Amino acid sequence: MAQRSVEILIGRLITDEAFRRAFREDAEATLERFIDMGHELTPVELAALRATRSDYWGLAAEQIDSRLQKASLRTRTNGGTR
């Protein structure tokens, strides 16, 4: 069921900092790995995910309670991650 996979992917993009960073750095590879893990995405869904502004997922993540976030162990510097 592709819709469920879309929901899982969006949930991870919003709540998992490392997954979000990987998607921002290489969306194609991240989507490939997601599909290789057994998730289904239709060509239309893949096109929509590729067309979504890359900063959107971080903006969405900032709006939810931090207790719902899976924090990365990477250290932060002035306004970014290393």
PDB file of N, CA and C in Angstrom:
ATOM      1  N   MET A   1       0.847  -1.189   0.000  1.00  0.00           N
ATOM      2  CA  MET A   1       0.000   0.000   0.000  1.00  0.00           C
ATOM      3  C   MET A   1       0.886   1.243   0.000  1.00  0.00           C
ATOM      4  N   ALA A   2       0.895   1.953  -1.095  1.00  0.00           N
ATOM      5  CA  ALA A   2       1.786   3.099  -1.273  1.00  0.00           C
ATOM      6  C   ALA A   2       1.442   4.255  -0.336  1.00  0.00           C
ATOM      7  N   GLN A   3       0.176   4.513  -0.084  1.00  0.00           N
ATOM      8  CA  GLN A   3      -0.186   5.644   0.776  1.00  0.00           C
ATOM      9  C   GLN A   3       0.428   5.488   2.166  1.00  0.00           C
ATOM     10  N   ARG A   4       0.423   4.279   2.692  1.00  0.00           N
ATOM     11  CA  ARG A   4       1.020   4.039   4.007  1.00  0.00           C
ATOM     12  C   ARG A   4       2.519   4.338   3.960  1.00  0.00           C
ATOM     13  N   SER A   5       3.165   3.976   2.874  1.00  0.00           N
ATOM     14  CA  SER A   5       4.597   4.259   2.737  1.00  0.00           C
ATOM     15  C   SER A   5       4.863   5.762   2.695  1.00  0.00           C
ATOM     16  N   VAL A   6       3.998   6.511   2.031  1.00  0.00           N
ATOM     17  CA  VAL A   6       4.129   7.968   1.995  1.00  0.00           C
ATOM     18  C   VAL A   6       4.020   8.526   3.411  1.00  0.00           C
ATOM     19  N   GLU A   7       3.059   8.027   4.165  1.00  0.00           N
ATOM     20  CA  GLU A   7       2.883   8.496   5.548  1.00  0.00           C
ATOM     21  C   GLU A   7       4.104   8.184   6.402  1.00  0.00           C
ATOM     22  N   ILE A   8       4.661   6.989   6.234  1.00  0.00           N
ATOM     23  CA  ILE A   8       5.862   6.616   6.990  1.00  0.00           C
ATOM     24  C   ILE A   8       7.038   7.517   6.592  1.00  0.00           C
ATOM     25  N   LEU A   9       7.216   7.720   5.300  1.00  0.00           N
ATOM     26  CA  LEU A   9       8.322   8.556   4.814  1.00  0.00           C
ATOM     27  C   LEU A   9       8.197   9.982   5.336  1.00  0.00           C
ATOM     28  N   ILE A  10       7.024  10.572   5.224  1.00  0.00           N
ATOM     29  CA  ILE A  10       6.830  11.949   5.702  1.00  0.00           C
ATOM     30  C   ILE A  10       7.037  12.015   7.212  1.00  0.00           C
ATOM     31  N   GLY A  11       6.549  11.023   7.929  1.00  0.00           N
ATOM     32  CA  GLY A  11       6.779  10.985   9.376  1.00  0.00           C
ATOM     33  C   GLY A  11       8.252  10.962   9.711  1.00  0.00           C
ATOM     34  N   ARG A  12       9.009  10.167   8.989  1.00  0.00           N
ATOM     35  CA  ARG A  12      10.453  10.114   9.234  1.00  0.00           C
ATOM     36  C   ARG A  12      11.128  11.423   8.858  1.00  0.00           C
ATOM     37  N   LEU A  13      10.701  12.033   7.746  1.00  0.00           N
ATOM     38  CA  LEU A  13      11.304  13.305   7.342  1.00  0.00           C
ATOM     39  C   LEU A  13      11.072  14.389   8.388  1.00  0.00           C
ATOM     40  N   ILE A  14       9.961  14.321   9.068  1.00  0.00           N
ATOM     41  CA  ILE A  14       9.637  15.355  10.053  1.00  0.00           C
ATOM     42  C   ILE A  14      10.210  15.043  11.434  1.00  0.00           C
ATOM     43  N   THR A  15      10.349  13.761  11.775  1.00  0.00           N
ATOM     44  CA  THR A  15      10.761  13.422  13.140  1.00  0.00           C
ATOM     45  C   THR A  15      12.173  12.884  13.274  1.00  0.00           C
ATOM     46  N   ASP A  16      12.829  12.543  12.190  1.00  0.00           N
ATOM     47  CA  ASP A  16      14.155  11.918  12.259  1.00  0.00           C
ATOM     48  C   ASP A  16      15.186  12.820  11.585  1.00  0.00           C
ATOM     49  N   GLU A  17      15.959  13.492  12.415  1.00  0.00           N
ATOM     50  CA  GLU A  17      16.924  14.484  11.923  1.00  0.00           C
ATOM     51  C   GLU A  17      17.948  13.884  10.961  1.00  0.00           C
ATOM     52  N   ALA A  18      18.472  12.707  11.267  1.00  0.00           N
ATOM     53  CA  ALA A  18      19.480  12.085  10.407  1.00  0.00           C
ATOM     54  C   ALA A  18      18.871  11.685   9.058  1.00  0.00           C
ATOM     55  N   PHE A  19      17.655  11.165   9.072  1.00  0.00           N
ATOM     56  CA  PHE A  19      16.980  10.785   7.834  1.00  0.00           C
ATOM     57  C   PHE A  19      16.705  12.026   6.990  1.00  0.00           C
ATOM     58  N   ARG A  20      16.268  13.100   7.644  1.00  0.00           N
ATOM     59  CA  ARG A  20      15.989  14.363   6.956  1.00  0.00           C
ATOM     60  C   ARG A  20      17.266  14.917   6.317  1.00  0.00           C
ATOM     61  N   ARG A  21      18.377  14.847   7.019  1.00  0.00           N
ATOM     62  CA  ARG A  21      19.655  15.330   6.490  1.00  0.00           C
ATOM     63  C   ARG A  21      20.067  14.484   5.279  1.00  0.00           C
ATOM     64  N   ALA A  22      19.931  13.161   5.403  1.00  0.00           N
ATOM     65  CA  ALA A  22      20.282  12.279   4.289  1.00  0.00           C
ATOM     66  C   ALA A  22      19.422  12.596   3.067  1.00  0.00           C
ATOM     67  N   PHE A  23      18.135  12.850   3.281  1.00  0.00           N
ATOM     68  CA  PHE A  23      17.228  13.177   2.183  1.00  0.00           C
ATOM     69  C   PHE A  23      17.614  14.511   1.549  1.00  0.00           C
ATOM     70  N   ARG A  24      17.955  15.478   2.370  1.00  0.00           N
ATOM     71  CA  ARG A  24      18.350  16.792   1.856  1.00  0.00           C
ATOM     72  C   ARG A  24      19.650  16.693   1.057  1.00  0.00           C
ATOM     73  N   GLU A  25      20.582  15.869   1.514  1.00  0.00           N
ATOM     74  CA  GLU A  25      21.876  15.742   0.845  1.00  0.00           C
ATOM     75  C   GLU A  25      21.800  14.891  -0.416  1.00  0.00           C
ATOM     76  N   ASP A  26      20.949  13.864  -0.430  1.00  0.00           N
ATOM     77  CA  ASP A  26      20.839  12.988  -1.602  1.00  0.00           C
ATOM     78  C   ASP A  26      19.471  12.305  -1.577  1.00  0.00           C
ATOM     79  N   ALA A  27      18.479  13.021  -2.065  1.00  0.00           N
ATOM     80  CA  ALA A  27      17.098  12.522  -2.037  1.00  0.00           C
ATOM     81  C   ALA A  27      16.972  11.212  -2.806  1.00  0.00           C
ATOM     82  N   GLU A  28      17.631  11.114  -3.954  1.00  0.00           N
ATOM     83  CA  GLU A  28      17.505   9.902  -4.775  1.00  0.00           C
ATOM     84  C   GLU A  28      17.995   8.666  -4.027  1.00  0.00           C
ATOM     85  N   ALA A  29      19.163   8.750  -3.425  1.00  0.00           N
ATOM     86  CA  ALA A  29      19.717   7.612  -2.694  1.00  0.00           C
ATOM     87  C   ALA A  29      18.855   7.277  -1.482  1.00  0.00           C
ATOM     88  N   THR A  30      18.356   8.286  -0.802  1.00  0.00           N
ATOM     89  CA  THR A  30      17.516   8.064   0.373  1.00  0.00           C
ATOM     90  C   THR A  30      16.210   7.391  -0.028  1.00  0.00           C
ATOM     91  N   LEU A  31      15.616   7.838  -1.121  1.00  0.00           N
ATOM     92  CA  LEU A  31      14.382   7.205  -1.606  1.00  0.00           C
ATOM     93  C   LEU A  31      14.654   5.763  -2.042  1.00  0.00           C
ATOM     94  N   GLU A  32      15.773   5.526  -2.690  1.00  0.00           N
ATOM     95  CA  GLU A  32      16.140   4.161  -3.089  1.00  0.00           C
ATOM     96  C   GLU A  32      16.265   3.250  -1.874  1.00  0.00           C
ATOM     97  N   ARG A  33      16.961   3.714  -0.838  1.00  0.00           N
ATOM     98  CA  ARG A  33      17.116   2.912   0.382  1.00  0.00           C
ATOM     99  C   ARG A  33      15.765   2.651   1.032  1.00  0.00           C
ATOM    100  N   PHE A  34      14.903   3.655   1.048  1.00  0.00           N
ATOM    101  CA  PHE A  34      13.567   3.516   1.628  1.00  0.00           C
ATOM    102  C   PHE A  34      12.785   2.430   0.887  1.00  0.00           C
ATOM    103  N   ILE A  35      12.857   2.439  -0.427  1.00  0.00           N
ATOM    104  CA  ILE A  35      12.171   1.425  -1.235  1.00  0.00           C
ATOM    105  C   ILE A  35      12.819   0.055  -1.023  1.00  0.00           C
ATOM    106  N   ASP A  36      14.141   0.009  -0.949  1.00  0.00           N
ATOM    107  CA  ASP A  36      14.855  -1.250  -0.711  1.00  0.00           C
ATOM    108  C   ASP A  36      14.475  -1.871   0.635  1.00  0.00           C
ATOM    109  N   MET A  37      14.015  -1.051   1.569  1.00  0.00           N
ATOM    110  CA  MET A  37      13.589  -1.551   2.875  1.00  0.00           C
ATOM    111  C   MET A  37      12.175  -2.152   2.808  1.00  0.00           C
ATOM    112  N   GLY A  38      11.582  -2.172   1.612  1.00  0.00           N
ATOM    113  CA  GLY A  38      10.290  -2.814   1.449  1.00  0.00           C
ATOM    114  C   GLY A  38       9.105  -1.877   1.319  1.00  0.00           C
ATOM    115  N   HIS A  39       9.362  -0.582   1.286  1.00  0.00           N
ATOM    116  CA  HIS A  39       8.277   0.386   1.134  1.00  0.00           C
ATOM    117  C   HIS A  39       7.972   0.600  -0.336  1.00  0.00           C
ATOM    118  N   GLU A  40       6.715   0.808  -0.635  1.00  0.00           N
ATOM    119  CA  GLU A  40       6.291   1.048  -2.014  1.00  0.00           C
ATOM    120  C   GLU A  40       5.984   2.525  -2.207  1.00  0.00           C
ATOM    121  N   LEU A  41       6.472   3.066  -3.303  1.00  0.00           N
ATOM    122  CA  LEU A  41       6.138   4.433  -3.705  1.00  0.00           C
ATOM    123  C   LEU A  41       5.869   4.423  -5.199  1.00  0.00           C
ATOM    124  N   THR A  42       4.775   5.029  -5.593  1.00  0.00           N
ATOM    125  CA  THR A  42       4.428   5.081  -7.011  1.00  0.00           C
ATOM    126  C   THR A  42       5.273   6.147  -7.705  1.00  0.00           C
ATOM    127  N   PRO A  43       5.352   6.091  -9.024  1.00  0.00           N
ATOM    128  CA  PRO A  43       6.080   7.136  -9.757  1.00  0.00           C
ATOM    129  C   PRO A  43       5.526   8.539  -9.467  1.00  0.00           C
ATOM    130  N   VAL A  44       4.221   8.665  -9.302  1.00  0.00           N
ATOM    131  CA  VAL A  44       3.614   9.971  -8.994  1.00  0.00           C
ATOM    132  C   VAL A  44       4.066  10.450  -7.616  1.00  0.00           C
ATOM    133  N   GLU A  45       4.087   9.540  -6.637  1.00  0.00           N
ATOM    134  CA  GLU A  45       4.527   9.914  -5.292  1.00  0.00           C
ATOM    135  C   GLU A  45       6.002  10.303  -5.290  1.00  0.00           C
ATOM    136  N   LEU A  46       6.818   9.537  -6.009  1.00  0.00           N
ATOM    137  CA  LEU A  46       8.241   9.874  -6.097  1.00  0.00           C
ATOM    138  C   LEU A  46       8.438  11.251  -6.727  1.00  0.00           C
ATOM    139  N   ALA A  47       7.697  11.539  -7.781  1.00  0.00           N
ATOM    140  CA  ALA A  47       7.807  12.849  -8.434  1.00  0.00           C
ATOM    141  C   ALA A  47       7.388  13.964  -7.474  1.00  0.00           C
ATOM    142  N   ALA A  48       6.334  13.740  -6.713  1.00  0.00           N
ATOM    143  CA  ALA A  48       5.871  14.750  -5.762  1.00  0.00           C
ATOM    144  C   ALA A  48       6.900  14.980  -4.662  1.00  0.00           C
ATOM    145  N   LEU A  49       7.515  13.920  -4.173  1.00  0.00           N
ATOM    146  CA  LEU A  49       8.544  14.062  -3.132  1.00  0.00           C
ATOM    147  C   LEU A  49       9.762  14.811  -3.663  1.00  0.00           C
ATOM    148  N   ARG A  50      10.144  14.508  -4.879  1.00  0.00           N
ATOM    149  CA  ARG A  50      11.286  15.211  -5.490  1.00  0.00           C
ATOM    150  C   ARG A  50      10.978  16.690  -5.722  1.00  0.00           C
ATOM    151  N   ALA A  51       9.712  17.005  -5.993  1.00  0.00           N
ATOM    152  CA  ALA A  51       9.315  18.378  -6.304  1.00  0.00           C
ATOM    153  C   ALA A  51       9.096  19.235  -5.059  1.00  0.00           C
ATOM    154  N   THR A  52       9.001  18.616  -3.895  1.00  0.00           N
ATOM    155  CA  THR A  52       8.776  19.369  -2.658  1.00  0.00           C
ATOM    156  C   THR A  52      10.043  20.133  -2.286  1.00  0.00           C
ATOM    157  N   ARG A  53       9.879  21.383  -1.906  1.00  0.00           N
ATOM    158  CA  ARG A  53      11.036  22.202  -1.507  1.00  0.00           C
ATOM    159  C   ARG A  53      11.867  21.470  -0.462  1.00  0.00           C
ATOM    160  N   SER A  54      13.172  21.466  -0.633  1.00  0.00           N
ATOM    161  CA  SER A  54      14.046  20.706   0.266  1.00  0.00           C
ATOM    162  C   SER A  54      14.036  21.229   1.701  1.00  0.00           C
ATOM    163  N   ASP A  55      13.736  22.506   1.889  1.00  0.00           N
ATOM    164  CA  ASP A  55      13.728  23.052   3.250  1.00  0.00           C
ATOM    165  C   ASP A  55      12.400  22.823   3.967  1.00  0.00           C
ATOM    166  N   TYR A  56      11.397  22.345   3.259  1.00  0.00           N
ATOM    167  CA  TYR A  56      10.072  22.172   3.854  1.00  0.00           C
ATOM    168  C   TYR A  56      10.091  21.226   5.043  1.00  0.00           C
ATOM    169  N   TRP A  57      10.807  20.113   4.925  1.00  0.00           N
ATOM    170  CA  TRP A  57      10.781  19.101   5.987  1.00  0.00           C
ATOM    171  C   TRP A  57      11.401  19.632   7.275  1.00  0.00           C
ATOM    172  N   GLY A  58      12.442  20.430   7.172  1.00  0.00           N
ATOM    173  CA  GLY A  58      13.033  21.036   8.365  1.00  0.00           C
ATOM    174  C   GLY A  58      12.107  22.065   8.992  1.00  0.00           C
ATOM    175  N   LEU A  59      11.415  22.832   8.154  1.00  0.00           N
ATOM    176  CA  LEU A  59      10.454  23.808   8.665  1.00  0.00           C
ATOM    177  C   LEU A  59       9.307  23.100   9.388  1.00  0.00           C
ATOM    178  N   ALA A  60       8.838  22.005   8.817  1.00  0.00           N
ATOM    179  CA  ALA A  60       7.769  21.236   9.457  1.00  0.00           C
ATOM    180  C   ALA A  60       8.258  20.654  10.786  1.00  0.00           C
ATOM    181  N   ALA A  61       9.492  20.154  10.805  1.00  0.00           N
ATOM    182  CA  ALA A  61      10.051  19.568  12.023  1.00  0.00           C
ATOM    183  C   ALA A  61      10.143  20.592  13.148  1.00  0.00           C
ATOM    184  N   GLU A  62      10.434  21.839  12.806  1.00  0.00           N
ATOM    185  CA  GLU A  62      10.535  22.887  13.820  1.00  0.00           C
ATOM    186  C   GLU A  62       9.199  23.175  14.492  1.00  0.00           C
ATOM    187  N   GLN A  63       8.109  22.807  13.846  1.00  0.00           N
ATOM    188  CA  GLN A  63       6.777  23.131  14.362  1.00  0.00           C
ATOM    189  C   GLN A  63       6.226  22.096  15.336  1.00  0.00           C
ATOM    190  N   ILE A  64       6.846  20.923  15.414  1.00  0.00           N
ATOM    191  CA  ILE A  64       6.318  19.911  16.321  1.00  0.00           C
ATOM    192  C   ILE A  64       7.150  19.852  17.597  1.00  0.00           C
ATOM    193  N   ASP A  65       6.552  19.360  18.638  1.00  0.00           N
ATOM    194  CA  ASP A  65       7.195  19.259  19.946  1.00  0.00           C
ATOM    195  C   ASP A  65       8.479  18.443  19.829  1.00  0.00           C
ATOM    196  N   SER A  66       9.543  18.909  20.416  1.00  0.00           N
ATOM    197  CA  SER A  66      10.846  18.239  20.319  1.00  0.00           C
ATOM    198  C   SER A  66      10.818  16.837  20.910  1.00  0.00           C
ATOM    199  N   ARG A  67       9.866  16.558  21.783  1.00  0.00           N
ATOM    200  CA  ARG A  67       9.773  15.217  22.354  1.00  0.00           C
ATOM    201  C   ARG A  67       9.343  14.192  21.307  1.00  0.00           C
ATOM    202  N   LEU A  68       8.863  14.664  20.171  1.00  0.00           N
ATOM    203  CA  LEU A  68       8.473  13.769  19.079  1.00  0.00           C
ATOM    204  C   LEU A  68       9.595  13.585  18.073  1.00  0.00           C
ATOM    205  N   GLN A  69      10.712  14.266  18.308  1.00  0.00           N
ATOM    206  CA  GLN A  69      11.850  14.224  17.391  1.00  0.00           C
ATOM    207  C   GLN A  69      12.829  13.131  17.792  1.00  0.00           C
ATOM    208  N   LYS A  70      13.407  12.484  16.805  1.00  0.00           N
ATOM    209  CA  LYS A  70      14.525  11.578  17.020  1.00  0.00           C
ATOM    210  C   LYS A  70      15.769  12.413  16.765  1.00  0.00           C
ATOM    211  N   ALA A  71      16.441  12.805  17.820  1.00  0.00           N
ATOM    212  CA  ALA A  71      17.579  13.711  17.705  1.00  0.00           C
ATOM    213  C   ALA A  71      18.803  12.998  17.147  1.00  0.00           C
ATOM    214  N   SER A  72      19.573  13.736  16.403  1.00  0.00           N
ATOM    215  CA  SER A  72      20.826  13.228  15.873  1.00  0.00           C
ATOM    216  C   SER A  72      21.904  13.412  16.930  1.00  0.00           C
ATOM    217  N   LEU A  73      22.882  12.531  16.916  1.00  0.00           N
ATOM    218  CA  LEU A  73      23.991  12.665  17.850  1.00  0.00           C
ATOM    219  C   LEU A  73      25.086  13.562  17.297  1.00  0.00           C
ATOM    220  N   ARG A  74      24.909  14.048  16.086  1.00  0.00           N
ATOM    221  CA  ARG A  74      25.881  14.978  15.504  1.00  0.00           C
ATOM    222  C   ARG A  74      25.812  16.282  16.271  1.00  0.00           C
ATOM    223  N   THR A  75      26.945  16.946  16.405  1.00  0.00           N
ATOM    224  CA  THR A  75      26.978  18.203  17.145  1.00  0.00           C
ATOM    225  C   THR A  75      26.556  19.346  16.265  1.00  0.00           C
ATOM    226  N   ARG A  76      26.022  20.380  16.886  1.00  0.00           N
ATOM    227  CA  ARG A  76      25.583  21.568  16.167  1.00  0.00           C
ATOM    228  C   ARG A  76      26.609  22.671  16.323  1.00  0.00           C
ATOM    229  N   THR A  77      26.703  23.505  15.282  1.00  0.00           N
ATOM    230  CA  THR A  77      27.535  24.696  15.324  1.00  0.00           C
ATOM    231  C   THR A  77      26.629  25.877  15.076  1.00  0.00           C
ATOM    232  N   ASN A  78      27.143  27.042  14.994  1.00  0.00           N
ATOM    233  CA  ASN A  78      26.351  28.270  14.801  1.00  0.00           C
ATOM    234  C   ASN A  78      25.361  28.155  13.637  1.00  0.00           C
ATOM    235  N   GLY A  79      24.169  27.687  13.886  1.00  0.00           N
ATOM    236  CA  GLY A  79      23.138  27.684  12.856  1.00  0.00           C
ATOM    237  C   GLY A  79      23.162  26.494  11.925  1.00  0.00           C
ATOM    238  N   GLY A  80      23.929  25.479  12.209  1.00  0.00           N
ATOM    239  CA  GLY A  80      23.939  24.333  11.311  1.00  0.00           C
ATOM    240  C   GLY A  80      24.522  23.121  11.971  1.00  0.00           C
ATOM    241  N   THR A  81      24.616  22.057  11.215  1.00  0.00           N
ATOM    242  CA  THR A  81      25.230  20.846  11.727  1.00  0.00           C
ATOM    243  C   THR A  81      26.551  20.638  11.028  1.00  0.00           C
ATOM    244  N   ARG A  82      27.395  19.887  11.680  1.00  0.00           N
ATOM    245  CA  ARG A  82      28.656  19.564  11.040  1.00  0.00           C
ATOM    246  C   ARG A  82      28.619  18.169  10.504  1.00  0.00           C
TER     247      ARG A  82
END
